[in-house]
N, C-alpha and C. Protein backbone atom coordinates (compact mmCIF):
# COMPACT_ATOMS: atom_id res chain seq x y z
N MET A 1 0.72 -1.04 -0.15
CA MET A 1 0.11 -0.14 0.02
C MET A 1 0.95 1.23 0.16
N PRO A 2 1.43 1.75 -1.30
CA PRO A 2 2.26 2.62 -1.46
C PRO A 2 1.60 3.80 -0.75
N LEU A 3 2.11 4.98 -0.02
CA LEU A 3 1.90 6.19 0.07
C LEU A 3 2.93 7.35 -0.03
N VAL A 4 2.20 8.01 -1.14
CA VAL A 4 3.23 9.04 -1.59
C VAL A 4 2.89 10.23 -1.49
N MET A 5 3.67 11.25 -0.94
CA MET A 5 3.43 12.69 -0.83
C MET A 5 3.30 13.37 -1.59
N MET A 6 2.14 14.29 -2.04
CA MET A 6 2.19 15.01 -3.23
C MET A 6 2.70 16.60 -3.24
N SER A 7 1.97 16.63 -1.75
CA SER A 7 2.69 18.28 -1.28
C SER A 7 2.50 18.03 0.44
N GLY A 8 3.90 18.47 0.55
CA GLY A 8 4.17 18.90 2.32
C GLY A 8 3.36 20.06 3.15
N PRO A 9 3.61 19.86 4.38
CA PRO A 9 2.85 20.91 4.95
C PRO A 9 3.56 22.45 4.33
N ALA A 10 2.77 23.56 4.79
CA ALA A 10 3.18 24.64 4.46
C ALA A 10 4.26 25.48 5.38
N LEU A 11 4.15 24.64 6.76
CA LEU A 11 4.94 25.37 7.67
C LEU A 11 5.08 24.26 8.76
N GLU A 12 5.99 24.28 9.43
CA GLU A 12 6.67 23.31 10.62
C GLU A 12 5.33 23.90 11.90
N PRO A 13 5.26 22.71 12.74
CA PRO A 13 4.22 23.01 13.87
C PRO A 13 4.90 23.87 14.90
N VAL A 14 6.21 23.94 15.04
CA VAL A 14 7.05 24.70 15.87
C VAL A 14 8.14 25.53 15.07
N THR A 15 8.26 26.83 15.35
CA THR A 15 9.23 27.39 14.57
C THR A 15 10.58 27.74 15.07
N VAL A 16 11.32 27.77 14.46
CA VAL A 16 12.88 27.90 14.52
C VAL A 16 13.13 28.75 15.81
N SER A 17 12.31 29.94 16.07
CA SER A 17 12.38 30.67 17.04
C SER A 17 12.06 30.39 18.37
N GLU A 18 10.59 29.40 18.35
CA GLU A 18 10.36 28.69 19.59
C GLU A 18 11.18 27.48 19.89
N ALA A 19 11.66 26.78 19.02
CA ALA A 19 13.20 26.30 19.31
C ALA A 19 13.96 26.43 20.05
N LYS A 20 14.48 27.47 19.55
CA LYS A 20 15.68 28.38 20.13
C LYS A 20 15.60 28.83 21.32
N ALA A 21 14.05 29.32 21.62
CA ALA A 21 13.90 29.80 22.99
C ALA A 21 13.99 28.47 23.92
N HIS A 22 13.41 27.50 23.65
CA HIS A 22 13.31 26.22 24.05
C HIS A 22 14.76 25.80 24.84
N LEU A 23 15.48 25.97 23.57
CA LEU A 23 16.95 25.52 23.99
C LEU A 23 17.78 26.71 24.64
N ARG A 24 17.21 27.84 24.84
CA ARG A 24 17.93 29.36 25.11
C ARG A 24 19.04 29.52 24.66
N LEU A 25 18.86 29.28 23.39
CA LEU A 25 20.02 30.26 22.06
C LEU A 25 19.46 31.37 21.59
N ASP A 26 20.50 32.14 21.41
CA ASP A 26 20.26 33.61 21.09
C ASP A 26 20.95 33.62 19.66
N ALA A 27 21.89 33.14 19.70
CA ALA A 27 22.75 33.30 18.20
C ALA A 27 22.01 32.37 17.09
N SER A 28 21.97 32.96 15.65
CA SER A 28 21.28 32.49 14.62
C SER A 28 22.30 31.54 13.87
N ASP A 29 23.54 31.19 14.43
CA ASP A 29 24.83 30.27 13.63
C ASP A 29 24.08 28.96 13.58
N GLU A 30 23.12 28.36 14.51
CA GLU A 30 22.59 27.24 14.08
C GLU A 30 21.10 26.78 13.83
N ASP A 31 20.88 27.92 13.28
CA ASP A 31 19.36 28.00 12.50
C ASP A 31 18.92 27.14 11.51
N VAL A 32 19.96 26.61 10.56
CA VAL A 32 19.60 25.69 9.80
C VAL A 32 19.37 24.33 10.45
N LEU A 33 20.26 23.98 11.22
CA LEU A 33 20.55 22.69 11.99
C LEU A 33 19.15 22.56 12.65
N ILE A 34 18.93 23.78 13.52
CA ILE A 34 17.74 23.67 14.34
C ILE A 34 16.56 23.30 13.65
N ALA A 35 16.36 23.94 12.33
CA ALA A 35 15.13 24.12 11.44
C ALA A 35 15.32 22.34 10.93
N SER A 36 16.18 21.81 10.68
CA SER A 36 16.27 20.29 10.28
C SER A 36 16.05 19.59 11.45
N LEU A 37 16.15 19.98 12.63
CA LEU A 37 15.75 19.10 13.74
C LEU A 37 14.57 18.86 13.83
N ILE A 38 13.70 20.18 13.59
CA ILE A 38 12.34 20.30 13.77
C ILE A 38 11.44 19.34 13.09
N LEU A 39 12.06 19.49 11.34
CA LEU A 39 11.30 18.73 10.56
C LEU A 39 11.94 17.57 10.85
N THR A 40 12.88 16.83 11.21
CA THR A 40 12.86 15.35 11.83
C THR A 40 12.13 14.88 12.86
N SER A 41 11.85 16.03 13.70
CA SER A 41 11.17 15.39 14.92
C SER A 41 9.58 15.35 14.56
N ARG A 42 9.22 16.17 13.94
CA ARG A 42 7.97 16.19 13.33
C ARG A 42 7.69 14.85 12.47
N LEU A 43 8.76 14.62 11.33
CA LEU A 43 8.52 13.63 10.62
C LEU A 43 8.40 12.22 11.89
N HIS A 44 9.18 11.94 12.66
CA HIS A 44 9.26 11.40 13.88
C HIS A 44 7.75 11.11 14.42
N VAL A 45 7.32 12.13 15.03
CA VAL A 45 5.93 12.12 15.65
C VAL A 45 5.11 11.73 14.74
N GLU A 46 4.75 12.21 13.51
CA GLU A 46 3.79 11.33 12.42
C GLU A 46 4.00 10.28 12.27
N THR A 47 5.03 9.94 12.01
CA THR A 47 5.34 8.29 12.02
C THR A 47 5.03 7.66 13.16
N ALA A 48 5.22 7.77 14.23
CA ALA A 48 5.08 7.23 15.60
C ALA A 48 3.47 7.36 15.75
N LEU A 49 2.75 8.05 15.30
CA LEU A 49 1.32 8.16 15.42
C LEU A 49 0.19 8.15 14.22
N GLY A 50 0.98 8.14 13.39
CA GLY A 50 0.31 7.72 11.95
C GLY A 50 -0.68 8.87 11.68
N LEU A 51 -0.30 10.11 12.05
CA LEU A 51 -1.05 11.46 11.65
C LEU A 51 -0.25 12.22 10.98
N ALA A 52 -0.90 13.14 10.14
CA ALA A 52 -0.27 14.27 9.36
C ALA A 52 -0.67 15.49 10.56
N LEU A 53 0.41 16.19 10.77
CA LEU A 53 0.29 17.30 11.77
C LEU A 53 -0.45 18.73 11.27
N ILE A 54 0.24 18.98 10.22
CA ILE A 54 -0.10 20.10 9.48
C ILE A 54 -0.53 19.65 8.01
N THR A 55 -1.52 20.57 7.38
CA THR A 55 -2.34 20.08 6.39
C THR A 55 -1.12 19.80 5.25
N GLN A 56 -1.55 18.41 4.57
CA GLN A 56 -0.76 17.76 3.50
C GLN A 56 -1.37 16.96 2.62
N SER A 57 -0.98 16.66 1.38
CA SER A 57 -1.78 16.05 -0.03
C SER A 57 -1.01 14.96 0.05
N TRP A 58 -1.82 13.78 -0.10
CA TRP A 58 -1.00 12.47 -0.24
C TRP A 58 -1.63 11.90 -1.25
N LYS A 59 -1.28 10.87 -1.96
CA LYS A 59 -2.02 9.91 -2.76
C LYS A 59 -1.53 8.45 -2.36
N LEU A 60 -2.92 7.53 -2.34
CA LEU A 60 -2.73 6.31 -1.68
C LEU A 60 -2.94 5.36 -2.79
N VAL A 61 -1.85 4.54 -3.16
CA VAL A 61 -1.99 3.65 -4.01
C VAL A 61 -2.17 2.13 -3.81
N LEU A 62 -3.21 1.48 -4.24
CA LEU A 62 -3.74 0.21 -3.48
C LEU A 62 -3.88 -1.14 -5.08
N ASP A 63 -3.63 -2.26 -4.62
CA ASP A 63 -3.79 -3.08 -5.60
C ASP A 63 -4.90 -3.55 -6.10
N CYS A 64 -5.94 -3.75 -4.76
CA CYS A 64 -7.14 -4.04 -4.71
C CYS A 64 -8.13 -3.03 -3.52
N TRP A 65 -9.37 -3.28 -3.50
CA TRP A 65 -10.09 -2.77 -2.62
C TRP A 65 -10.34 -4.14 -1.08
N PRO A 66 -10.43 -3.53 0.01
CA PRO A 66 -10.54 -4.18 1.33
C PRO A 66 -11.73 -5.03 0.96
N ASP A 67 -11.74 -6.25 1.73
CA ASP A 67 -13.07 -7.04 1.62
C ASP A 67 -14.22 -6.57 2.02
N ASP A 68 -14.30 -5.57 2.99
CA ASP A 68 -15.34 -5.11 3.77
C ASP A 68 -15.38 -3.49 3.04
N ALA A 69 -16.60 -2.78 3.56
CA ALA A 69 -16.99 -1.70 2.83
C ALA A 69 -16.32 -0.44 3.20
N ALA A 70 -15.54 -0.69 4.01
CA ALA A 70 -14.62 0.63 4.43
C ALA A 70 -13.36 0.34 3.96
N LEU A 71 -12.40 1.44 3.73
CA LEU A 71 -10.89 1.27 3.25
C LEU A 71 -10.40 2.13 4.80
N LYS A 72 -9.30 1.75 5.68
CA LYS A 72 -8.99 2.58 6.63
C LYS A 72 -7.67 3.32 5.76
N PHE A 73 -7.60 4.43 5.93
CA PHE A 73 -6.24 5.30 5.86
C PHE A 73 -5.26 4.93 6.72
N PRO A 74 -4.21 4.83 5.93
CA PRO A 74 -2.70 4.92 6.58
C PRO A 74 -2.59 6.03 7.38
N LEU A 75 -2.72 7.24 7.14
CA LEU A 75 -2.59 8.18 7.96
C LEU A 75 -3.58 9.05 7.88
N GLY A 76 -3.89 9.83 8.96
CA GLY A 76 -5.29 10.70 9.48
C GLY A 76 -4.84 11.76 9.96
N PRO A 77 -5.50 12.90 10.47
CA PRO A 77 -6.97 12.83 9.94
C PRO A 77 -6.83 13.38 8.62
N VAL A 78 -8.03 12.65 7.56
CA VAL A 78 -8.22 13.02 6.45
C VAL A 78 -9.61 14.04 6.49
N SER A 79 -9.29 15.18 6.14
CA SER A 79 -10.40 16.47 6.16
C SER A 79 -11.09 16.13 4.47
N ALA A 80 -10.41 15.63 3.54
CA ALA A 80 -11.02 15.51 2.27
C ALA A 80 -10.27 14.57 1.60
N VAL A 81 -11.31 14.10 0.18
CA VAL A 81 -10.64 13.08 -0.49
C VAL A 81 -10.99 13.65 -2.00
N ALA A 82 -9.92 14.14 -2.68
CA ALA A 82 -10.13 14.82 -4.15
C ALA A 82 -10.58 13.80 -4.90
N ALA A 83 -10.03 13.16 -5.28
CA ALA A 83 -10.32 11.82 -6.30
C ALA A 83 -10.11 10.50 -5.67
N VAL A 84 -10.82 9.22 -6.51
CA VAL A 84 -10.66 7.99 -6.42
C VAL A 84 -10.85 7.69 -7.90
N ARG A 85 -9.70 7.37 -8.21
CA ARG A 85 -9.36 6.70 -9.59
C ARG A 85 -8.92 5.16 -9.71
N VAL A 86 -9.97 4.47 -10.67
CA VAL A 86 -9.69 3.01 -10.84
C VAL A 86 -8.94 2.98 -12.10
N LEU A 87 -7.97 2.21 -12.29
CA LEU A 87 -7.17 2.43 -13.59
C LEU A 87 -7.49 1.16 -14.39
N ALA A 88 -7.70 1.24 -15.59
CA ALA A 88 -8.09 0.17 -16.69
C ALA A 88 -6.74 -0.76 -17.07
N ALA A 89 -6.73 -1.84 -17.44
CA ALA A 89 -5.68 -2.37 -17.95
C ALA A 89 -4.47 -1.64 -18.32
N ASP A 90 -4.92 -0.84 -19.62
CA ASP A 90 -3.90 0.46 -20.02
C ASP A 90 -3.60 1.12 -19.55
N GLY A 91 -4.11 1.57 -18.10
CA GLY A 91 -3.59 2.36 -17.27
C GLY A 91 -4.43 3.86 -17.11
N THR A 92 -5.60 3.46 -18.23
CA THR A 92 -6.54 4.76 -18.47
C THR A 92 -7.55 4.97 -17.10
N PRO A 93 -7.08 6.26 -16.32
CA PRO A 93 -8.13 6.28 -15.02
C PRO A 93 -9.66 6.48 -15.47
N ALA A 94 -10.09 6.01 -14.37
CA ALA A 94 -11.86 6.29 -14.39
C ALA A 94 -12.08 7.03 -13.09
N VAL A 95 -12.79 7.90 -13.02
CA VAL A 95 -12.86 8.58 -11.71
C VAL A 95 -14.04 7.95 -11.02
N VAL A 96 -13.96 7.78 -9.96
CA VAL A 96 -14.92 6.77 -9.13
C VAL A 96 -16.27 7.91 -8.45
N PRO A 97 -17.48 8.25 -8.87
CA PRO A 97 -18.13 9.31 -8.43
C PRO A 97 -18.12 9.52 -6.86
N ALA A 98 -18.22 10.37 -6.10
CA ALA A 98 -17.82 10.95 -5.01
C ALA A 98 -19.30 10.23 -4.59
N ALA A 99 -20.40 10.43 -5.20
CA ALA A 99 -21.77 9.50 -4.32
C ALA A 99 -21.26 8.23 -4.01
N SER A 100 -20.75 7.57 -4.53
CA SER A 100 -20.32 6.36 -4.25
C SER A 100 -19.82 5.80 -2.98
N TYR A 101 -19.26 7.03 -2.11
CA TYR A 101 -18.37 6.94 -0.85
C TYR A 101 -18.44 8.29 -0.18
N ILE A 102 -18.26 8.04 1.08
CA ILE A 102 -18.46 9.14 2.37
C ILE A 102 -16.99 8.74 2.88
N VAL A 103 -16.26 10.27 3.55
CA VAL A 103 -14.83 10.21 4.17
C VAL A 103 -15.31 10.30 5.62
N ASP A 104 -14.87 9.25 6.25
CA ASP A 104 -15.12 9.34 7.70
C ASP A 104 -13.54 9.68 8.24
N GLY A 105 -13.38 11.14 8.58
CA GLY A 105 -12.01 11.45 8.89
C GLY A 105 -11.53 11.49 10.42
N ASP A 106 -12.08 10.91 10.88
CA ASP A 106 -11.82 10.67 12.50
C ASP A 106 -10.41 10.31 12.53
N ALA A 107 -9.73 11.32 13.62
CA ALA A 107 -8.29 11.23 13.70
C ALA A 107 -7.43 9.87 13.95
N LEU A 108 -8.08 9.26 14.58
CA LEU A 108 -7.77 7.94 15.12
C LEU A 108 -7.62 6.69 14.17
N GLY A 109 -8.63 7.05 13.05
CA GLY A 109 -9.09 5.96 12.23
C GLY A 109 -9.82 6.13 11.03
N SER A 110 -9.25 7.25 10.08
CA SER A 110 -10.24 8.01 9.07
C SER A 110 -10.24 6.42 7.90
N ARG A 111 -11.22 6.71 7.69
CA ARG A 111 -11.98 5.44 6.38
C ARG A 111 -12.76 6.52 5.37
N LEU A 112 -12.28 5.11 4.13
CA LEU A 112 -13.19 5.71 2.88
C LEU A 112 -14.64 4.57 2.90
N VAL A 113 -15.44 5.17 3.15
CA VAL A 113 -16.60 4.14 3.43
C VAL A 113 -17.55 4.09 2.15
N ARG A 114 -17.63 2.90 1.54
CA ARG A 114 -18.38 2.45 0.13
C ARG A 114 -19.84 2.77 0.26
N THR A 115 -20.70 3.57 -0.24
CA THR A 115 -21.97 3.37 -0.36
C THR A 115 -22.66 3.07 -1.24
N ALA A 116 -21.85 2.84 -2.43
CA ALA A 116 -22.23 1.94 -3.76
C ALA A 116 -22.48 0.65 -3.29
N ALA A 117 -23.18 -0.37 -3.92
CA ALA A 117 -23.13 -1.51 -3.71
C ALA A 117 -21.86 -2.32 -3.75
N THR A 118 -21.34 -2.01 -4.76
CA THR A 118 -19.58 -2.65 -4.62
C THR A 118 -19.07 -1.61 -5.21
N TRP A 119 -17.28 -1.57 -5.16
CA TRP A 119 -16.54 -0.95 -5.66
C TRP A 119 -16.03 -1.39 -7.14
N PRO A 120 -16.04 -0.51 -7.99
CA PRO A 120 -15.56 -0.69 -9.38
C PRO A 120 -14.05 -1.48 -8.93
N LEU A 121 -13.83 -2.55 -10.09
CA LEU A 121 -12.68 -3.34 -9.96
C LEU A 121 -11.58 -2.35 -10.97
N PRO A 122 -10.40 -2.70 -10.37
CA PRO A 122 -9.46 -2.09 -11.66
C PRO A 122 -9.37 -3.14 -12.47
N GLY A 123 -8.59 -2.64 -13.59
CA GLY A 123 -8.21 -3.65 -14.57
C GLY A 123 -6.73 -4.14 -14.57
N ARG A 124 -6.09 -3.49 -13.79
CA ARG A 124 -4.70 -4.03 -13.28
C ARG A 124 -4.50 -4.81 -11.83
N ALA A 125 -3.51 -5.69 -12.38
CA ALA A 125 -3.68 -6.65 -11.02
C ALA A 125 -2.87 -5.73 -9.77
N ALA A 126 -1.44 -5.09 -10.37
CA ALA A 126 -1.27 -4.09 -9.30
C ALA A 126 -1.35 -2.66 -9.52
N ARG A 127 -1.17 -1.70 -8.40
CA ARG A 127 -1.78 -0.49 -8.57
C ARG A 127 -2.49 0.05 -9.49
N GLY A 128 -3.61 -0.58 -9.37
CA GLY A 128 -4.59 -0.34 -10.01
C GLY A 128 -5.86 0.77 -9.16
N ILE A 129 -5.82 1.12 -7.91
CA ILE A 129 -6.60 2.48 -7.30
C ILE A 129 -5.69 3.21 -6.94
N GLU A 130 -5.86 4.54 -7.23
CA GLU A 130 -5.32 5.66 -6.76
C GLU A 130 -6.66 6.62 -5.98
N ILE A 131 -6.21 7.10 -4.69
CA ILE A 131 -6.86 7.70 -3.90
C ILE A 131 -6.13 8.89 -3.74
N ASP A 132 -6.47 10.34 -3.99
CA ASP A 132 -5.91 11.69 -3.65
C ASP A 132 -6.72 12.19 -2.30
N PHE A 133 -5.89 12.32 -1.34
CA PHE A 133 -6.70 12.88 -0.31
C PHE A 133 -5.60 14.12 0.44
N THR A 134 -6.49 14.87 1.65
CA THR A 134 -5.91 15.73 2.12
C THR A 134 -5.72 15.21 3.78
N ALA A 135 -4.67 15.18 4.54
CA ALA A 135 -4.85 14.82 5.70
C ALA A 135 -4.20 15.89 6.40
N GLY A 136 -4.62 16.30 7.93
CA GLY A 136 -3.71 17.26 8.77
C GLY A 136 -4.67 17.64 9.76
N MET A 137 -4.05 18.27 11.06
CA MET A 137 -5.06 18.66 12.11
C MET A 137 -5.27 20.03 11.92
N GLY A 138 -4.70 20.71 10.74
CA GLY A 138 -5.20 22.01 10.32
C GLY A 138 -4.00 22.76 9.39
N PRO A 139 -4.09 23.90 9.18
CA PRO A 139 -3.02 24.44 8.16
C PRO A 139 -2.06 25.01 9.18
N ALA A 140 -2.63 25.48 10.40
CA ALA A 140 -1.68 26.23 11.15
C ALA A 140 -1.31 25.60 12.38
N ALA A 141 0.16 26.07 13.08
CA ALA A 141 0.56 25.41 14.22
C ALA A 141 -0.52 25.52 15.17
N ALA A 142 -1.11 26.37 15.59
CA ALA A 142 -2.08 26.23 16.74
C ALA A 142 -3.23 25.23 16.55
N ASP A 143 -3.32 24.77 15.19
CA ASP A 143 -4.09 23.56 14.80
C ASP A 143 -3.69 21.96 15.41
N VAL A 144 -2.22 22.16 16.00
CA VAL A 144 -1.65 20.80 16.39
C VAL A 144 -1.96 20.76 17.86
N ALA A 145 -2.19 19.94 18.55
CA ALA A 145 -2.26 19.85 20.10
C ALA A 145 -1.19 20.33 20.52
N GLN A 146 -0.88 21.04 21.89
CA GLN A 146 0.17 21.58 22.63
C GLN A 146 1.05 20.68 23.19
N PRO A 147 0.34 19.41 23.65
CA PRO A 147 1.52 18.18 23.98
C PRO A 147 2.36 17.82 23.01
N ILE A 148 1.66 17.73 22.10
CA ILE A 148 2.50 16.94 20.74
C ILE A 148 3.58 18.22 20.04
N ARG A 149 3.21 19.68 20.13
CA ARG A 149 3.84 20.51 19.97
C ARG A 149 5.28 20.43 20.58
N HIS A 150 4.85 20.18 22.55
CA HIS A 150 5.74 20.47 23.24
C HIS A 150 6.57 18.74 22.84
N ALA A 151 6.26 17.77 22.62
CA ALA A 151 6.93 16.31 22.44
C ALA A 151 7.86 16.76 21.34
N ILE A 152 7.82 17.89 20.09
CA ILE A 152 8.79 17.91 19.21
C ILE A 152 9.45 18.92 19.77
N LEU A 153 9.26 19.61 20.72
CA LEU A 153 10.43 20.84 21.04
C LEU A 153 11.21 19.90 22.11
N LEU A 154 10.67 18.70 22.74
CA LEU A 154 11.64 17.72 23.56
C LEU A 154 12.66 16.92 22.49
N LEU A 155 12.22 16.60 21.49
CA LEU A 155 12.85 15.75 20.44
C LEU A 155 14.15 16.65 19.86
N VAL A 156 13.77 17.91 19.74
CA VAL A 156 14.62 18.83 18.98
C VAL A 156 15.67 19.10 20.01
N ALA A 157 15.20 19.49 21.13
CA ALA A 157 16.44 19.43 22.29
C ALA A 157 17.19 18.08 22.76
N HIS A 158 16.44 16.90 22.50
CA HIS A 158 17.29 15.81 22.68
C HIS A 158 18.30 15.43 21.40
N TRP A 159 17.92 15.62 20.47
CA TRP A 159 18.76 15.95 19.07
C TRP A 159 19.83 16.73 18.91
N TYR A 160 19.48 17.68 19.68
CA TYR A 160 20.31 19.32 19.44
C TYR A 160 21.57 18.60 20.58
N GLU A 161 21.45 17.99 21.64
CA GLU A 161 22.08 17.53 22.59
C GLU A 161 23.04 16.26 22.33
N HIS A 162 22.46 15.29 21.25
CA HIS A 162 23.06 14.20 21.28
C HIS A 162 23.41 14.20 19.63
N ARG A 163 24.57 14.54 19.72
CA ARG A 163 24.77 14.71 18.05
C ARG A 163 25.56 13.73 17.63
N ASP A 164 26.27 12.78 18.56
CA ASP A 164 27.27 11.71 18.21
C ASP A 164 26.29 10.83 17.56
N PRO A 165 27.01 9.92 16.50
CA PRO A 165 26.29 9.05 15.80
C PRO A 165 26.12 7.50 16.60
N PHE A 166 24.85 7.23 16.48
CA PHE A 166 24.56 6.24 17.39
C PHE A 166 24.36 4.93 16.59
N GLU A 167 24.43 4.03 17.07
CA GLU A 167 23.62 2.69 16.07
C GLU A 167 22.24 2.78 16.57
N ILE A 168 21.19 2.48 15.71
CA ILE A 168 19.92 2.14 15.75
C ILE A 168 19.80 1.52 16.82
N GLY A 169 18.75 1.59 17.61
CA GLY A 169 18.60 0.49 18.87
C GLY A 169 19.32 0.58 20.12
N SER A 170 20.68 1.57 19.97
CA SER A 170 21.27 1.62 21.00
C SER A 170 20.92 2.24 22.05
N PRO A 171 21.15 2.50 23.49
CA PRO A 171 20.88 2.99 24.29
C PRO A 171 20.81 4.75 24.41
N GLY A 172 22.07 4.87 23.77
CA GLY A 172 21.97 6.64 23.38
C GLY A 172 21.19 7.13 22.19
N ALA A 173 20.36 6.36 21.42
CA ALA A 173 19.88 6.56 20.42
C ALA A 173 18.02 6.34 21.13
N ALA A 174 17.74 6.36 22.03
CA ALA A 174 16.80 5.96 22.52
C ALA A 174 15.86 7.56 22.69
N ILE A 175 14.55 7.68 22.61
CA ILE A 175 13.84 8.90 22.47
C ILE A 175 13.54 9.17 24.13
N PRO A 176 13.65 10.18 24.59
CA PRO A 176 13.02 10.18 25.80
C PRO A 176 11.94 9.81 26.45
N ALA A 177 11.64 9.47 27.36
CA ALA A 177 10.50 8.64 28.05
C ALA A 177 9.44 9.69 27.92
N SER A 178 9.60 11.06 28.12
CA SER A 178 8.89 12.13 28.40
C SER A 178 8.09 12.33 27.18
N VAL A 179 8.82 12.16 25.78
CA VAL A 179 8.12 12.61 24.59
C VAL A 179 7.28 11.25 24.31
N THR A 180 7.29 10.09 24.53
CA THR A 180 6.68 8.86 24.79
C THR A 180 5.31 9.10 25.47
N GLU A 181 5.48 9.62 26.94
CA GLU A 181 4.19 9.71 27.51
C GLU A 181 3.43 11.19 26.97
N LEU A 182 4.30 12.03 26.43
CA LEU A 182 3.07 13.28 25.85
C LEU A 182 2.31 12.93 24.50
N LEU A 183 2.87 12.04 23.88
CA LEU A 183 2.26 11.45 22.84
C LEU A 183 1.68 10.42 22.96
N LYS A 184 1.60 9.49 24.09
CA LYS A 184 0.39 8.24 24.32
C LYS A 184 -1.12 8.82 24.34
N PRO A 185 -1.40 10.06 24.55
CA PRO A 185 -3.05 9.95 24.54
C PRO A 185 -3.47 9.90 22.66
N TYR A 186 -2.44 10.16 22.09
CA TYR A 186 -2.73 10.50 20.30
C TYR A 186 -2.58 9.34 19.66
N ARG A 187 -1.66 8.31 20.47
CA ARG A 187 -1.79 7.02 19.40
C ARG A 187 -3.16 6.11 19.55
N ALA A 188 -3.09 5.36 18.41
CA ALA A 188 -4.33 4.58 18.04
C ALA A 188 -4.17 3.30 18.90
N VAL A 189 -4.94 2.78 19.61
CA VAL A 189 -4.66 1.43 20.48
C VAL A 189 -5.11 0.60 19.72
N ARG A 190 -4.28 -0.64 19.21
CA ARG A 190 -4.91 -1.79 18.42
C ARG A 190 -5.29 -3.04 19.44
N LEU A 191 -6.34 -3.65 19.12
CA LEU A 191 -6.71 -4.53 20.21
C LEU A 191 -6.58 -5.92 19.31
């Protein structure tokens, strides 16, 4: 189930100025580093939570439809579906009418729910379904919950202070427990 970013967020949930204030830095010597740490921290949090923090556009590519009437998006919250296309054997796209589905954009389980009797079948065995959608908590940093923004600041500080290369999985590379605790309420629980 490939997920392709079509356009990223217009801004980060935390500004360089906010991160510098958190780090107690006045000079601008390391602004580029801090900006990259903010980006890396946002990506880490988004991946850990399965959430898009700031509004972004994505394309979900599938081989086939799920067995039931609902398709769960791998990223949420989904605010809109721009197009659902089914590809013929020659690659010609056919747009699925919007009346054939509804979008349930819940943050912890966004779904595309079929309202038609069946989904139209793709003519290709692989990558025959494309869904263009918009996900994110909103277009502004203020739309992101404050505990998530604070977790990003803590990650920026952690990675700012620990610049040495570590092997993945080694104790030195561990994410601080305070970050994990701040993000816990926003995780989808799987049973």
